[in-house]
Amino acid sequence: MVSDDRLLIASHIKPWKDSSDVERIDSKNGLLLTPTYDKLFDLGLITFDNDKRMLVSPFLSRMTCSKLSLVDKRVITHLPLEGRKTYMEYHRDVKFNRAG
């Protein structure tokens, strides 16, 4: 867990281009992520389930996952999902690259 906020990026869960005006400014439509996780999340290469488990796309190679310490179904205990479940469902259903 990164505790230095200067290293975190505010990332929209439901992308800006797909969001209504209300969703664009909704603080629950966002997560603070490191730049690497932000990029992976925006590209749909990782997402999170309702139990705070990271889901890793099969489009990422084993080598990439190993180098980035990405583990499918790893629980991210500090992930703030309260009030974000609808947005996360959108991300899983629309953005996440499931098929390999």
Protein backbone atom coordinates (compact mmCIF):
# COMPACT_ATOMS: atom_id res chain seq x y z
CA MET A 1 0.00 0.00 0.00
CA VAL A 2 1.32 3.42 -0.97
CA SER A 3 0.88 5.91 1.86
CA ASP A 4 2.35 8.96 0.11
CA ASP A 5 -0.61 10.70 -1.58
CA ARG A 6 1.77 12.57 -3.88
CA LEU A 7 2.30 9.28 -5.74
CA LEU A 8 -1.39 8.60 -6.35
CA ILE A 9 -3.64 9.54 -9.26
CA ALA A 10 -7.40 10.09 -9.14
CA SER A 11 -8.80 7.59 -11.62
CA HIS A 12 -12.40 7.52 -12.88
CA ILE A 13 -14.02 4.10 -12.54
CA LYS A 14 -16.60 4.77 -15.23
CA PRO A 15 -14.64 6.73 -17.85
CA TRP A 16 -15.33 10.44 -18.28
CA LYS A 17 -16.44 9.96 -21.91
CA ASP A 18 -19.03 7.35 -20.87
CA SER A 19 -20.31 9.21 -17.81
CA SER A 20 -23.24 11.57 -17.39
CA ASP A 21 -22.57 15.09 -16.07
CA VAL A 22 -23.57 13.89 -12.59
CA GLU A 23 -21.33 10.80 -12.77
CA ARG A 24 -18.35 12.88 -13.92
CA ILE A 25 -18.29 14.88 -10.67
CA ASP A 26 -19.42 12.08 -8.35
CA SER A 27 -16.57 11.43 -5.90
CA LYS A 28 -17.70 7.79 -5.72
CA ASN A 29 -16.78 7.42 -9.42
CA GLY A 30 -13.12 7.44 -8.55
CA LEU A 31 -10.25 5.62 -6.93
CA LEU A 32 -6.78 6.77 -5.92
CA LEU A 33 -4.30 4.51 -7.67
CA THR A 34 -0.59 4.45 -8.36
CA PRO A 35 0.28 5.45 -11.94
CA THR A 36 0.89 1.82 -12.95
CA TYR A 37 -2.40 0.58 -11.50
CA ASP A 38 -4.18 3.61 -12.99
CA LYS A 39 -2.93 2.70 -16.48
CA LEU A 40 -3.81 -0.99 -16.06
CA PHE A 41 -7.27 -0.04 -14.73
CA ASP A 42 -7.94 2.47 -17.55
CA LEU A 43 -6.95 -0.11 -20.16
CA GLY A 44 -9.24 -2.71 -18.58
CA LEU A 45 -6.31 -4.99 -17.72
CA ILE A 46 -7.23 -5.07 -14.03
CA THR A 47 -10.48 -4.51 -12.18
CA PHE A 48 -11.89 -5.34 -8.75
CA ASP A 49 -14.83 -7.46 -7.62
CA ASN A 50 -17.26 -6.63 -4.81
CA ASP A 51 -15.10 -8.61 -2.35
CA LYS A 52 -12.08 -6.34 -3.02
CA ARG A 53 -10.31 -8.97 -5.10
CA MET A 54 -8.19 -7.77 -8.00
CA LEU A 55 -9.09 -9.45 -11.27
CA VAL A 56 -6.23 -9.63 -13.76
CA SER A 57 -6.93 -9.83 -17.47
CA PRO A 58 -5.61 -12.87 -19.33
CA PHE A 59 -4.30 -10.37 -21.91
CA LEU A 60 -1.37 -9.70 -19.55
CA SER A 61 1.52 -12.11 -19.84
CA ARG A 62 2.71 -14.13 -16.86
CA MET A 63 6.01 -12.29 -17.08
CA THR A 64 4.30 -8.88 -16.88
CA CYS A 65 2.16 -10.03 -13.96
CA SER A 66 5.22 -11.35 -12.18
CA LYS A 67 7.24 -8.17 -12.71
CA LEU A 68 4.34 -5.99 -11.51
CA SER A 69 3.38 -8.37 -8.66
CA LEU A 70 -0.14 -8.72 -10.05
CA VAL A 71 -1.94 -11.71 -8.57
CA ASP A 72 -5.41 -12.62 -9.80
CA LYS A 73 -7.97 -12.64 -6.98
CA ARG A 74 -5.57 -11.02 -4.47
CA VAL A 75 -7.61 -9.16 -1.87
CA ILE A 76 -6.85 -5.44 -1.66
CA THR A 77 -8.07 -4.83 1.89
CA HIS A 78 -7.78 -1.02 1.80
CA LEU A 79 -9.78 -0.65 -1.45
CA PRO A 80 -12.64 1.81 -0.76
CA LEU A 81 -15.67 0.21 -2.45
CA GLU A 82 -18.44 1.72 -0.32
CA GLY A 83 -20.77 3.62 -2.66
CA ARG A 84 -18.77 2.53 -5.71
CA LYS A 85 -20.29 -0.87 -6.49
CA THR A 86 -22.43 0.34 -9.43
CA TYR A 87 -19.41 2.03 -11.00
CA MET A 88 -17.24 -1.04 -10.40
CA GLU A 89 -19.91 -3.27 -11.97
CA TYR A 90 -19.81 -1.03 -15.05
CA HIS A 91 -16.02 -1.29 -15.14
CA ARG A 92 -16.10 -5.10 -14.88
CA ASP A 93 -18.85 -5.47 -17.48
CA VAL A 94 -17.72 -2.88 -20.04
CA LYS A 95 -14.03 -2.04 -19.58
CA PHE A 96 -12.41 -5.22 -18.25
CA ASN A 97 -10.73 -7.43 -20.86
CA ARG A 98 -11.83 -10.90 -19.78
CA ALA A 99 -11.10 -13.17 -22.72
CA GLY A 100 -7.59 -14.20 -23.47
